[in-house]
């Protein structure tokens, strides 16, 4: 390889965009909402294990290719884009490579080889995550379970009542298997209710709980931060946990209600901190730390968090 070509490849490697399922960090300008940096990357259309024959074209216009990394045939989707560096995105659908239009295929293959260890490790992590996601699938019916505030919530159908009622269970100073408190959500539905009915009733209840808790936690953090939240909206976004606008509007994904209170507090503190620093600079993280010192631990846990599959009725 010519020295000039090696230098060019080295520059590209120094500028790699390394994205995982929760790492995408766009940098919007006020008053555009500032997204949480821990957001799922968009899914590619490569199916795991597909041959990815060179030159084939996916539905997105990207080419499906294959590379041999440490003896393993790895399919990937190659997307040519208007950018200055080579980027890798990992999702449950596989590996996607984004590269400038002017970069030769040989340089892309060399980049993949130089990042082989990292790529294979990320693919293993994604496969493990996919397994956890499948394990989180909810089969809607009497007695089904889903996470609520980081703990199991058991759904009980009770046609003798109306609406929904939460039973937190009874705590015991010396719990046994028989006395461990269990959260039960009683729904006024018949035993033969359709899965879609149960799902919709549970989702409506979860969204009400999310609004109440989020409003409470926003008030808790806003005062010590010295910021004013002008409003709170629930989001159903697929690609971010929350956002903040310069006008004081906070948006939080209602599905955070599945996670532990600590993870919810981290996202709340993160978004409110944006009302002081509309960026992800060291100053911003210092603001987050001032009210949530353990934010790094929560951030790492949120990266590994898996949402239950609620839409599979």
C-alpha atoms as a PDB file:
ATOM      1  CA  UNK A   1       0.000   0.000   0.000  1.00  0.00           C
ATOM      2  CA  UNK A   2       1.367   3.432  -0.886  1.00  0.00           C
ATOM      3  CA  UNK A   3       2.386   5.670   2.072  1.00  0.00           C
ATOM      4  CA  UNK A   4      -0.212   8.291   1.108  1.00  0.00           C
ATOM      5  CA  UNK A   5      -2.915   5.630   1.039  1.00  0.00           C
ATOM      6  CA  UNK A   6      -1.837   4.320   4.469  1.00  0.00           C
ATOM      7  CA  UNK A   7      -1.996   7.829   5.887  1.00  0.00           C
ATOM      8  CA  UNK A   8      -5.485   8.269   4.452  1.00  0.00           C
ATOM      9  CA  UNK A   9      -6.677   5.017   5.983  1.00  0.00           C
ATOM     10  CA  UNK A  10      -5.115   5.967   9.314  1.00  0.00           C
ATOM     11  CA  UNK A  11      -7.051   9.227   9.300  1.00  0.00           C
ATOM     12  CA  UNK A  12     -10.270   7.344   8.678  1.00  0.00           C
ATOM     13  CA  UNK A  13      -9.570   4.889  11.493  1.00  0.00           C
ATOM     14  CA  UNK A  14      -8.927   7.741  13.920  1.00  0.00           C
ATOM     15  CA  UNK A  15     -12.358   9.113  13.076  1.00  0.00           C
ATOM     16  CA  UNK A  16     -14.350   5.882  13.496  1.00  0.00           C
ATOM     17  CA  UNK A  17     -17.839   6.429  14.756  1.00  0.00           C
ATOM     18  CA  UNK A  18     -18.363   3.612  17.234  1.00  0.00           C
ATOM     19  CA  UNK A  19     -22.042   3.145  17.916  1.00  0.00           C
ATOM     20  CA  UNK A  20     -23.823   0.530  19.948  1.00  0.00           C
ATOM     21  CA  UNK A  21     -27.506   0.060  20.584  1.00  0.00           C
ATOM     22  CA  UNK A  22     -27.586   2.908  23.099  1.00  0.00           C
ATOM     23  CA  UNK A  23     -24.667   5.096  22.072  1.00  0.00           C
ATOM     24  CA  UNK A  24     -25.944   7.365  19.281  1.00  0.00           C
ATOM     25  CA  UNK A  25     -25.424  10.986  20.249  1.00  0.00           C
ATOM     26  CA  UNK A  26     -26.685  13.531  17.718  1.00  0.00           C
ATOM     27  CA  UNK A  27     -25.849  17.137  18.597  1.00  0.00           C
ATOM     28  CA  UNK A  28     -28.903  19.315  17.978  1.00  0.00           C
ATOM     29  CA  UNK A  29     -28.953  23.077  18.393  1.00  0.00           C
ATOM     30  CA  UNK A  30     -31.442  24.874  20.662  1.00  0.00           C
ATOM     31  CA  UNK A  31     -34.405  24.983  20.654  1.00  0.00           C
ATOM     32  CA  UNK A  32     -34.347  21.600  18.947  1.00  0.00           C
ATOM     33  CA  UNK A  33     -34.754  18.897  21.643  1.00  0.00           C
ATOM     34  CA  UNK A  34     -31.447  17.526  22.907  1.00  0.00           C
ATOM     35  CA  UNK A  35     -31.601  13.715  22.863  1.00  0.00           C
ATOM     36  CA  UNK A  36     -30.269  11.495  25.592  1.00  0.00           C
ATOM     37  CA  UNK A  37     -26.947  10.053  24.349  1.00  0.00           C
ATOM     38  CA  UNK A  38     -28.048   6.573  25.370  1.00  0.00           C
ATOM     39  CA  UNK A  39     -30.436   5.923  22.537  1.00  0.00           C
ATOM     40  CA  UNK A  40     -30.965   2.885  20.368  1.00  0.00           C
ATOM     41  CA  UNK A  41     -29.330   3.145  16.965  1.00  0.00           C
ATOM     42  CA  UNK A  42     -31.715   2.714  14.015  1.00  0.00           C
ATOM     43  CA  UNK A  43     -32.052  -0.858  12.824  1.00  0.00           C
ATOM     44  CA  UNK A  44     -30.477  -1.895   9.593  1.00  0.00           C
ATOM     45  CA  UNK A  45     -32.161  -4.277   7.193  1.00  0.00           C
ATOM     46  CA  UNK A  46     -29.522  -7.007   7.149  1.00  0.00           C
ATOM     47  CA  UNK A  47     -30.873 -10.267   8.537  1.00  0.00           C
ATOM     48  CA  UNK A  48     -28.463 -12.119  10.827  1.00  0.00           C
ATOM     49  CA  UNK A  49     -26.781 -14.980   9.020  1.00  0.00           C
ATOM     50  CA  UNK A  50     -27.747 -13.802   5.544  1.00  0.00           C
ATOM     51  CA  UNK A  51     -25.079 -14.467   2.934  1.00  0.00           C
ATOM     52  CA  UNK A  52     -24.667 -10.777   2.092  1.00  0.00           C
ATOM     53  CA  UNK A  53     -23.341 -11.498  -1.342  1.00  0.00           C
ATOM     54  CA  UNK A  54     -21.179  -8.626  -2.618  1.00  0.00           C
ATOM     55  CA  UNK A  55     -23.012  -6.359  -4.966  1.00  0.00           C
ATOM     56  CA  UNK A  56     -26.503  -7.309  -3.739  1.00  0.00           C
ATOM     57  CA  UNK A  57     -28.673  -4.362  -2.840  1.00  0.00           C
ATOM     58  CA  UNK A  58     -30.915  -4.118   0.207  1.00  0.00           C
ATOM     59  CA  UNK A  59     -34.258  -2.376   0.422  1.00  0.00           C
ATOM     60  CA  UNK A  60     -32.534   0.741   1.788  1.00  0.00           C
ATOM     61  CA  UNK A  61     -30.285   1.008  -1.270  1.00  0.00           C
ATOM     62  CA  UNK A  62     -27.278  -0.248   0.688  1.00  0.00           C
ATOM     63  CA  UNK A  63     -25.190  -3.131  -0.647  1.00  0.00           C
ATOM     64  CA  UNK A  64     -25.078  -6.428   1.199  1.00  0.00           C
ATOM     65  CA  UNK A  65     -21.532  -7.708   1.610  1.00  0.00           C
ATOM     66  CA  UNK A  66     -19.546 -10.248   3.571  1.00  0.00           C
ATOM     67  CA  UNK A  67     -16.138 -10.162   5.211  1.00  0.00           C
ATOM     68  CA  UNK A  68     -13.984 -12.912   6.725  1.00  0.00           C
ATOM     69  CA  UNK A  69     -12.913 -11.861  10.239  1.00  0.00           C
ATOM     70  CA  UNK A  70     -10.699 -14.273  12.161  1.00  0.00           C
ATOM     71  CA  UNK A  71     -12.114 -17.163  10.163  1.00  0.00           C
ATOM     72  CA  UNK A  72     -15.745 -16.116  10.592  1.00  0.00           C
ATOM     73  CA  UNK A  73     -17.875 -15.035   7.654  1.00  0.00           C
ATOM     74  CA  UNK A  74     -19.585 -11.832   8.782  1.00  0.00           C
ATOM     75  CA  UNK A  75     -22.377 -10.357   6.630  1.00  0.00           C
ATOM     76  CA  UNK A  76     -22.820  -6.613   6.763  1.00  0.00           C
ATOM     77  CA  UNK A  77     -24.716  -3.824   5.075  1.00  0.00           C
ATOM     78  CA  UNK A  78     -22.595  -1.160   3.381  1.00  0.00           C
ATOM     79  CA  UNK A  79     -24.194   2.257   3.120  1.00  0.00           C
ATOM     80  CA  UNK A  80     -22.513   5.003   1.156  1.00  0.00           C
ATOM     81  CA  UNK A  81     -23.165   8.358   2.771  1.00  0.00           C
ATOM     82  CA  UNK A  82     -22.079  11.979   2.737  1.00  0.00           C
ATOM     83  CA  UNK A  83     -19.672  11.788   5.641  1.00  0.00           C
ATOM     84  CA  UNK A  84     -15.947  12.113   6.308  1.00  0.00           C
ATOM     85  CA  UNK A  85     -15.310   8.907   8.232  1.00  0.00           C
ATOM     86  CA  UNK A  86     -16.167   5.222   8.365  1.00  0.00           C
ATOM     87  CA  UNK A  87     -18.835   4.367  10.915  1.00  0.00           C
ATOM     88  CA  UNK A  88     -20.049   1.081  12.372  1.00  0.00           C
ATOM     89  CA  UNK A  89     -23.556   0.526  13.707  1.00  0.00           C
ATOM     90  CA  UNK A  90     -24.604  -2.646  15.524  1.00  0.00           C
ATOM     91  CA  UNK A  91     -28.197  -3.709  15.982  1.00  0.00           C
ATOM     92  CA  UNK A  92     -30.053  -6.959  16.477  1.00  0.00           C
ATOM     93  CA  UNK A  93     -30.146  -7.156  12.672  1.00  0.00           C
ATOM     94  CA  UNK A  94     -26.357  -7.259  12.388  1.00  0.00           C
ATOM     95  CA  UNK A  95     -23.524  -4.961  11.335  1.00  0.00           C
ATOM     96  CA  UNK A  96     -23.926  -1.859   9.217  1.00  0.00           C
ATOM     97  CA  UNK A  97     -20.996   0.075   7.804  1.00  0.00           C
ATOM     98  CA  UNK A  98     -21.365   3.669   6.649  1.00  0.00           C
ATOM     99  CA  UNK A  99     -18.571   5.066   4.521  1.00  0.00           C
ATOM    100  CA  UNK A 100     -17.886   8.113   2.346  1.00  0.00           C
ATOM    101  CA  UNK A 101     -18.611   7.608  -1.324  1.00  0.00           C
ATOM    102  CA  UNK A 102     -14.956   8.156  -2.243  1.00  0.00           C
ATOM    103  CA  UNK A 103     -13.487   5.434   0.016  1.00  0.00           C
ATOM    104  CA  UNK A 104     -12.451   2.312  -1.980  1.00  0.00           C
ATOM    105  CA  UNK A 105     -13.825  -1.084  -0.956  1.00  0.00           C
ATOM    106  CA  UNK A 106     -10.273  -2.214  -0.209  1.00  0.00           C
ATOM    107  CA  UNK A 107      -9.894   0.474   2.440  1.00  0.00           C
ATOM    108  CA  UNK A 108     -13.238  -0.513   3.988  1.00  0.00           C
ATOM    109  CA  UNK A 109     -12.148  -4.160   4.119  1.00  0.00           C
ATOM    110  CA  UNK A 110      -8.851  -3.124   5.735  1.00  0.00           C
ATOM    111  CA  UNK A 111     -10.748  -1.077   8.312  1.00  0.00           C
ATOM    112  CA  UNK A 112     -12.931  -4.061   9.128  1.00  0.00           C
ATOM    113  CA  UNK A 113      -9.870  -6.269   9.573  1.00  0.00           C
ATOM    114  CA  UNK A 114      -8.172  -3.768  11.870  1.00  0.00           C
ATOM    115  CA  UNK A 115     -11.322  -3.609  14.015  1.00  0.00           C
ATOM    116  CA  UNK A 116     -11.992  -7.365  13.887  1.00  0.00           C
ATOM    117  CA  UNK A 117     -11.714  -8.030  17.640  1.00  0.00           C
ATOM    118  CA  UNK A 118     -14.012  -5.153  18.513  1.00  0.00           C
ATOM    119  CA  UNK A 119     -16.549  -6.004  15.788  1.00  0.00           C
ATOM    120  CA  UNK A 120     -16.791  -9.664  16.796  1.00  0.00           C
ATOM    121  CA  UNK A 121     -17.192  -8.705  20.436  1.00  0.00           C
ATOM    122  CA  UNK A 122     -19.995  -6.252  19.641  1.00  0.00           C
ATOM    123  CA  UNK A 123     -21.793  -8.841  17.498  1.00  0.00           C
ATOM    124  CA  UNK A 124     -21.671 -11.338  20.369  1.00  0.00           C
ATOM    125  CA  UNK A 125     -23.081  -8.677  22.685  1.00  0.00           C
ATOM    126  CA  UNK A 126     -25.879  -8.011  20.229  1.00  0.00           C
ATOM    127  CA  UNK A 127     -26.746 -11.697  19.970  1.00  0.00           C
ATOM    128  CA  UNK A 128     -26.909 -11.921  23.758  1.00  0.00           C
ATOM    129  CA  UNK A 129     -29.098  -8.858  23.828  1.00  0.00           C
ATOM    130  CA  UNK A 130     -31.404 -10.398  21.224  1.00  0.00           C
ATOM    131  CA  UNK A 131     -31.774 -13.468  23.442  1.00  0.00           C
ATOM    132  CA  UNK A 132     -32.701 -11.287  26.410  1.00  0.00           C
ATOM    133  CA  UNK A 133     -35.189  -9.420  24.251  1.00  0.00           C
ATOM    134  CA  UNK A 134     -36.895 -12.637  23.177  1.00  0.00           C
ATOM    135  CA  UNK A 135     -36.993 -13.753  26.805  1.00  0.00           C
ATOM    136  CA  UNK A 136     -38.772 -10.476  27.613  1.00  0.00           C
ATOM    137  CA  UNK A 137     -41.669 -11.243  25.278  1.00  0.00           C
ATOM    138  CA  UNK A 138     -45.003 -10.933  27.091  1.00  0.00           C
ATOM    139  CA  UNK A 139     -47.698 -13.541  26.494  1.00  0.00           C
ATOM    140  CA  UNK A 140     -50.761 -11.547  27.451  1.00  0.00           C
ATOM    141  CA  UNK A 141     -53.158 -13.433  29.681  1.00  0.00           C
ATOM    142  CA  UNK A 142     -54.219 -13.950  33.278  1.00  0.00           C
ATOM    143  CA  UNK A 143     -51.072 -14.319  35.396  1.00  0.00           C
ATOM    144  CA  UNK A 144     -48.637 -12.839  32.861  1.00  0.00           C
ATOM    145  CA  UNK A 145     -45.747 -10.818  34.209  1.00  0.00           C
ATOM    146  CA  UNK A 146     -43.874  -7.705  33.113  1.00  0.00           C
ATOM    147  CA  UNK A 147     -41.334  -5.370  34.741  1.00  0.00           C
ATOM    148  CA  UNK A 148     -42.584  -2.321  36.626  1.00  0.00           C
ATOM    149  CA  UNK A 149     -40.086  -0.053  38.413  1.00  0.00           C
ATOM    150  CA  UNK A 150     -37.508  -2.797  37.987  1.00  0.00           C
ATOM    151  CA  UNK A 151     -39.577  -5.517  39.671  1.00  0.00           C
ATOM    152  CA  UNK A 152     -42.016  -8.131  38.318  1.00  0.00           C
ATOM    153  CA  UNK A 153     -45.651  -7.078  38.075  1.00  0.00           C
ATOM    154  CA  UNK A 154     -48.206  -9.884  37.816  1.00  0.00           C
ATOM    155  CA  UNK A 155     -51.418  -9.200  35.915  1.00  0.00           C
ATOM    156  CA  UNK A 156     -54.604 -10.670  37.388  1.00  0.00           C
ATOM    157  CA  UNK A 157     -57.936 -10.564  35.536  1.00  0.00           C
ATOM    158  CA  UNK A 158     -60.871  -9.911  37.848  1.00  0.00           C
ATOM    159  CA  UNK A 159     -64.258  -9.420  36.148  1.00  0.00           C
ATOM    160  CA  UNK A 160     -65.857  -8.461  39.464  1.00  0.00           C
ATOM    161  CA  UNK A 161     -64.119  -5.080  39.491  1.00  0.00           C
ATOM    162  CA  UNK A 162     -63.751  -2.110  37.167  1.00  0.00           C
ATOM    163  CA  UNK A 163     -60.619  -0.282  36.088  1.00  0.00           C
ATOM    164  CA  UNK A 164     -57.206  -1.225  37.416  1.00  0.00           C
ATOM    165  CA  UNK A 165     -55.860  -1.608  40.941  1.00  0.00           C
ATOM    166  CA  UNK A 166     -52.296  -2.149  42.126  1.00  0.00           C
ATOM    167  CA  UNK A 167     -51.658  -4.402  45.102  1.00  0.00           C
ATOM    168  CA  UNK A 168     -48.126  -3.897  46.418  1.00  0.00           C
ATOM    169  CA  UNK A 169     -48.288  -7.009  48.620  1.00  0.00           C
ATOM    170  CA  UNK A 170     -47.388  -7.297  52.286  1.00  0.00           C
ATOM    171  CA  UNK A 171     -43.839  -6.805  53.473  1.00  0.00           C
ATOM    172  CA  UNK A 172     -42.457  -9.153  56.153  1.00  0.00           C
ATOM    173  CA  UNK A 173     -39.443  -8.385  58.396  1.00  0.00           C
ATOM    174  CA  UNK A 174     -38.213 -11.958  57.802  1.00  0.00           C
ATOM    175  CA  UNK A 175     -39.665 -12.922  54.437  1.00  0.00           C
ATOM    176  CA  UNK A 176     -39.975 -16.485  53.275  1.00  0.00           C
ATOM    177  CA  UNK A 177     -40.830 -17.698  49.798  1.00  0.00           C
ATOM    178  CA  UNK A 178     -44.484 -17.560  50.815  1.00  0.00           C
ATOM    179  CA  UNK A 179     -44.342 -14.031  52.232  1.00  0.00           C
ATOM    180  CA  UNK A 180     -42.129 -12.201  49.728  1.00  0.00           C
ATOM    181  CA  UNK A 181     -44.258  -9.246  48.576  1.00  0.00           C
ATOM    182  CA  UNK A 182     -45.464  -9.461  44.999  1.00  0.00           C
ATOM    183  CA  UNK A 183     -46.874  -6.614  42.985  1.00  0.00           C
ATOM    184  CA  UNK A 184     -50.215  -7.551  41.479  1.00  0.00           C
ATOM    185  CA  UNK A 185     -52.125  -5.471  38.958  1.00  0.00           C
ATOM    186  CA  UNK A 186     -55.822  -6.344  39.040  1.00  0.00           C
ATOM    187  CA  UNK A 187     -57.731  -5.531  35.875  1.00  0.00           C
ATOM    188  CA  UNK A 188     -61.497  -5.443  35.491  1.00  0.00           C
ATOM    189  CA  UNK A 189     -61.519  -7.808  32.530  1.00  0.00           C
ATOM    190  CA  UNK A 190     -63.078 -11.234  31.935  1.00  0.00           C
ATOM    191  CA  UNK A 191     -60.913 -14.328  32.091  1.00  0.00           C
ATOM    192  CA  UNK A 192     -61.359 -14.822  28.352  1.00  0.00           C
ATOM    193  CA  UNK A 193     -60.278 -11.287  27.452  1.00  0.00           C
ATOM    194  CA  UNK A 194     -58.363 -10.962  24.206  1.00  0.00           C
ATOM    195  CA  UNK A 195     -54.593 -10.432  24.491  1.00  0.00           C
ATOM    196  CA  UNK A 196     -54.963  -7.022  22.822  1.00  0.00           C
ATOM    197  CA  UNK A 197     -57.500  -5.947  25.486  1.00  0.00           C
ATOM    198  CA  UNK A 198     -55.156  -6.928  28.290  1.00  0.00           C
ATOM    199  CA  UNK A 199     -52.168  -5.257  26.649  1.00  0.00           C
ATOM    200  CA  UNK A 200     -54.045  -2.007  26.053  1.00  0.00           C
ATOM    201  CA  UNK A 201     -55.377  -1.887  29.616  1.00  0.00           C
ATOM    202  CA  UNK A 202     -51.926  -2.515  31.092  1.00  0.00           C
ATOM    203  CA  UNK A 203     -50.314   0.049  28.792  1.00  0.00           C
ATOM    204  CA  UNK A 204     -52.845   2.730  29.716  1.00  0.00           C
ATOM    205  CA  UNK A 205     -52.228   2.060  33.416  1.00  0.00           C
ATOM    206  CA  UNK A 206     -48.440   2.145  32.958  1.00  0.00           C
ATOM    207  CA  UNK A 207     -48.633   5.474  31.147  1.00  0.00           C
ATOM    208  CA  UNK A 208     -50.651   6.985  33.998  1.00  0.00           C
ATOM    209  CA  UNK A 209     -48.086   5.741  36.492  1.00  0.00           C
ATOM    210  CA  UNK A 210     -45.261   7.060  34.328  1.00  0.00           C
ATOM    211  CA  UNK A 211     -46.696  10.581  34.214  1.00  0.00           C
ATOM    212  CA  UNK A 212     -47.208  10.694  37.973  1.00  0.00           C
ATOM    213  CA  UNK A 213     -43.723   9.430  38.803  1.00  0.00           C
ATOM    214  CA  UNK A 214     -41.943  11.506  36.166  1.00  0.00           C
ATOM    215  CA  UNK A 215     -43.637  14.714  37.308  1.00  0.00           C
ATOM    216  CA  UNK A 216     -42.649  13.963  40.900  1.00  0.00           C
ATOM    217  CA  UNK A 217     -39.026  13.257  40.014  1.00  0.00           C
ATOM    218  CA  UNK A 218     -38.779  16.290  37.734  1.00  0.00           C
ATOM    219  CA  UNK A 219     -39.853  18.525  40.607  1.00  0.00           C
ATOM    220  CA  UNK A 220     -37.356  16.751  42.854  1.00  0.00           C
ATOM    221  CA  UNK A 221     -34.380  17.525  40.599  1.00  0.00           C
ATOM    222  CA  UNK A 222     -35.445  20.876  39.132  1.00  0.00           C
ATOM    223  CA  UNK A 223     -35.102  22.782  42.411  1.00  0.00           C
ATOM    224  CA  UNK A 224     -31.467  21.863  43.238  1.00  0.00           C
ATOM    225  CA  UNK A 225     -30.522  22.376  39.593  1.00  0.00           C
ATOM    226  CA  UNK A 226     -32.099  25.819  39.607  1.00  0.00           C
ATOM    227  CA  UNK A 227     -34.052  25.188  36.389  1.00  0.00           C
ATOM    228  CA  UNK A 228     -37.667  25.675  35.419  1.00  0.00           C
ATOM    229  CA  UNK A 229     -39.526  22.958  33.563  1.00  0.00           C
ATOM    230  CA  UNK A 230     -42.370  24.490  31.570  1.00  0.00           C
ATOM    231  CA  UNK A 231     -44.028  21.184  30.757  1.00  0.00           C
ATOM    232  CA  UNK A 232     -43.697  17.418  30.645  1.00  0.00           C
ATOM    233  CA  UNK A 233     -44.789  15.223  27.771  1.00  0.00           C
ATOM    234  CA  UNK A 234     -44.705  11.468  27.509  1.00  0.00           C
ATOM    235  CA  UNK A 235     -42.948  10.070  24.479  1.00  0.00           C
ATOM    236  CA  UNK A 236     -43.268   6.774  22.649  1.00  0.00           C
ATOM    237  CA  UNK A 237     -40.094   7.354  20.634  1.00  0.00           C
ATOM    238  CA  UNK A 238     -38.227   4.309  19.387  1.00  0.00           C
ATOM    239  CA  UNK A 239     -34.842   6.021  19.336  1.00  0.00           C
ATOM    240  CA  UNK A 240     -34.469   8.052  22.532  1.00  0.00           C
ATOM    241  CA  UNK A 241     -35.244   7.954  26.227  1.00  0.00           C
ATOM    242  CA  UNK A 242     -35.838  11.656  26.581  1.00  0.00           C
ATOM    243  CA  UNK A 243     -35.190  15.137  25.300  1.00  0.00           C
ATOM    244  CA  UNK A 244     -35.163  18.729  26.510  1.00  0.00           C
ATOM    245  CA  UNK A 245     -35.913  21.971  24.684  1.00  0.00           C
ATOM    246  CA  UNK A 246     -34.514  25.391  25.429  1.00  0.00           C
ATOM    247  CA  UNK A 247     -38.036  26.587  26.253  1.00  0.00           C
ATOM    248  CA  UNK A 248     -38.114  24.222  29.255  1.00  0.00           C
ATOM    249  CA  UNK A 249     -40.197  21.422  27.740  1.00  0.00           C
ATOM    250  CA  UNK A 250     -39.129  17.941  28.858  1.00  0.00           C
ATOM    251  CA  UNK A 251     -40.071  14.761  27.010  1.00  0.00           C
ATOM    252  CA  UNK A 252     -39.598  11.371  28.639  1.00  0.00           C
ATOM    253  CA  UNK A 253     -40.242   7.958  27.167  1.00  0.00           C
ATOM    254  CA  UNK A 254     -43.095   6.431  29.154  1.00  0.00           C
ATOM    255  CA  UNK A 255     -41.490   2.996  28.901  1.00  0.00           C
ATOM    256  CA  UNK A 256     -38.851   4.079  31.396  1.00  0.00           C
ATOM    257  CA  UNK A 257     -41.503   3.022  33.927  1.00  0.00           C
ATOM    258  CA  UNK A 258     -40.324  -0.568  33.369  1.00  0.00           C
ATOM    259  CA  UNK A 259     -36.918   0.283  34.844  1.00  0.00           C
ATOM    260  CA  UNK A 260     -35.691   0.782  38.385  1.00  0.00           C
ATOM    261  CA  UNK A 261     -36.217   4.157  40.094  1.00  0.00           C
ATOM    262  CA  UNK A 262     -32.469   4.838  39.850  1.00  0.00           C
ATOM    263  CA  UNK A 263     -32.484   4.560  36.057  1.00  0.00           C
ATOM    264  CA  UNK A 264     -35.546   6.796  35.833  1.00  0.00           C
ATOM    265  CA  UNK A 265     -33.854   9.362  38.062  1.00  0.00           C
ATOM    266  CA  UNK A 266     -30.764   9.314  35.859  1.00  0.00           C
ATOM    267  CA  UNK A 267     -32.737  10.102  32.710  1.00  0.00           C
ATOM    268  CA  UNK A 268     -34.751  12.800  34.500  1.00  0.00           C
ATOM    269  CA  UNK A 269     -31.611  14.436  35.895  1.00  0.00           C
ATOM    270  CA  UNK A 270     -29.938  14.141  32.490  1.00  0.00           C
ATOM    271  CA  UNK A 271     -32.717  15.930  30.639  1.00  0.00           C
ATOM    272  CA  UNK A 272     -33.180  18.651  33.259  1.00  0.00           C
ATOM    273  CA  UNK A 273     -29.423  19.280  33.175  1.00  0.00           C
ATOM    274  CA  UNK A 274     -29.855  20.150  29.509  1.00  0.00           C
ATOM    275  CA  UNK A 275     -31.842  23.199  30.591  1.00  0.00           C
ATOM    276  CA  UNK A 276     -28.506  24.554  31.861  1.00  0.00           C
ATOM    277  CA  UNK A 277     -26.173  23.031  29.271  1.00  0.00           C
ATOM    278  CA  UNK A 278     -27.620  22.273  25.812  1.00  0.00           C
ATOM    279  CA  UNK A 279     -24.774  19.925  24.935  1.00  0.00           C
ATOM    280  CA  UNK A 280     -22.892  16.896  26.220  1.00  0.00           C
ATOM    281  CA  UNK A 281     -19.748  18.727  27.238  1.00  0.00           C
ATOM    282  CA  UNK A 282     -17.776  18.134  30.460  1.00  0.00           C
ATOM    283  CA  UNK A 283     -19.725  21.077  31.942  1.00  0.00           C
ATOM    284  CA  UNK A 284     -22.964  19.239  31.212  1.00  0.00           C
ATOM    285  CA  UNK A 285     -21.822  16.044  32.937  1.00  0.00           C
ATOM    286  CA  UNK A 286     -20.681  18.093  35.923  1.00  0.00           C
ATOM    287  CA  UNK A 287     -24.225  19.440  36.192  1.00  0.00           C
ATOM    288  CA  UNK A 288     -25.643  15.913  36.088  1.00  0.00           C
ATOM    289  CA  UNK A 289     -23.136  14.766  38.726  1.00  0.00           C
ATOM    290  CA  UNK A 290     -24.137  17.586  41.044  1.00  0.00           C
ATOM    291  CA  UNK A 291     -27.572  16.024  41.568  1.00  0.00           C
ATOM    292  CA  UNK A 292     -26.915  12.410  40.552  1.00  0.00           C
ATOM    293  CA  UNK A 293     -23.330  11.461  41.516  1.00  0.00           C
ATOM    294  CA  UNK A 294     -23.708   7.812  40.428  1.00  0.00           C
ATOM    295  CA  UNK A 295     -24.802   8.741  36.907  1.00  0.00           C
ATOM    296  CA  UNK A 296     -22.006   6.731  35.228  1.00  0.00           C
ATOM    297  CA  UNK A 297     -23.202   3.478  36.787  1.00  0.00           C
ATOM    298  CA  UNK A 298     -26.812   4.223  35.821  1.00  0.00           C
ATOM    299  CA  UNK A 299     -25.757   5.158  32.297  1.00  0.00           C
ATOM    300  CA  UNK A 300     -23.952   1.842  31.866  1.00  0.00           C
ATOM    301  CA  UNK A 301     -26.925  -0.101  33.196  1.00  0.00           C
ATOM    302  CA  UNK A 302     -29.281   1.718  30.872  1.00  0.00           C
ATOM    303  CA  UNK A 303     -27.141   0.654  27.928  1.00  0.00           C
ATOM    304  CA  UNK A 304     -27.813  -2.972  28.847  1.00  0.00           C
ATOM    305  CA  UNK A 305     -31.478  -2.546  29.725  1.00  0.00           C
ATOM    306  CA  UNK A 306     -34.002  -4.507  27.675  1.00  0.00           C
ATOM    307  CA  UNK A 307     -37.607  -3.460  27.220  1.00  0.00           C
ATOM    308  CA  UNK A 308     -40.318  -6.122  27.320  1.00  0.00           C
ATOM    309  CA  UNK A 309     -41.977  -6.826  23.979  1.00  0.00           C
ATOM    310  CA  UNK A 310     -45.467  -5.486  24.590  1.00  0.00           C
ATOM    311  CA  UNK A 311     -46.705  -5.364  21.015  1.00  0.00           C
ATOM    312  CA  UNK A 312     -46.552  -9.119  20.483  1.00  0.00           C
ATOM    313  CA  UNK A 313     -50.107  -9.985  21.396  1.00  0.00           C
END
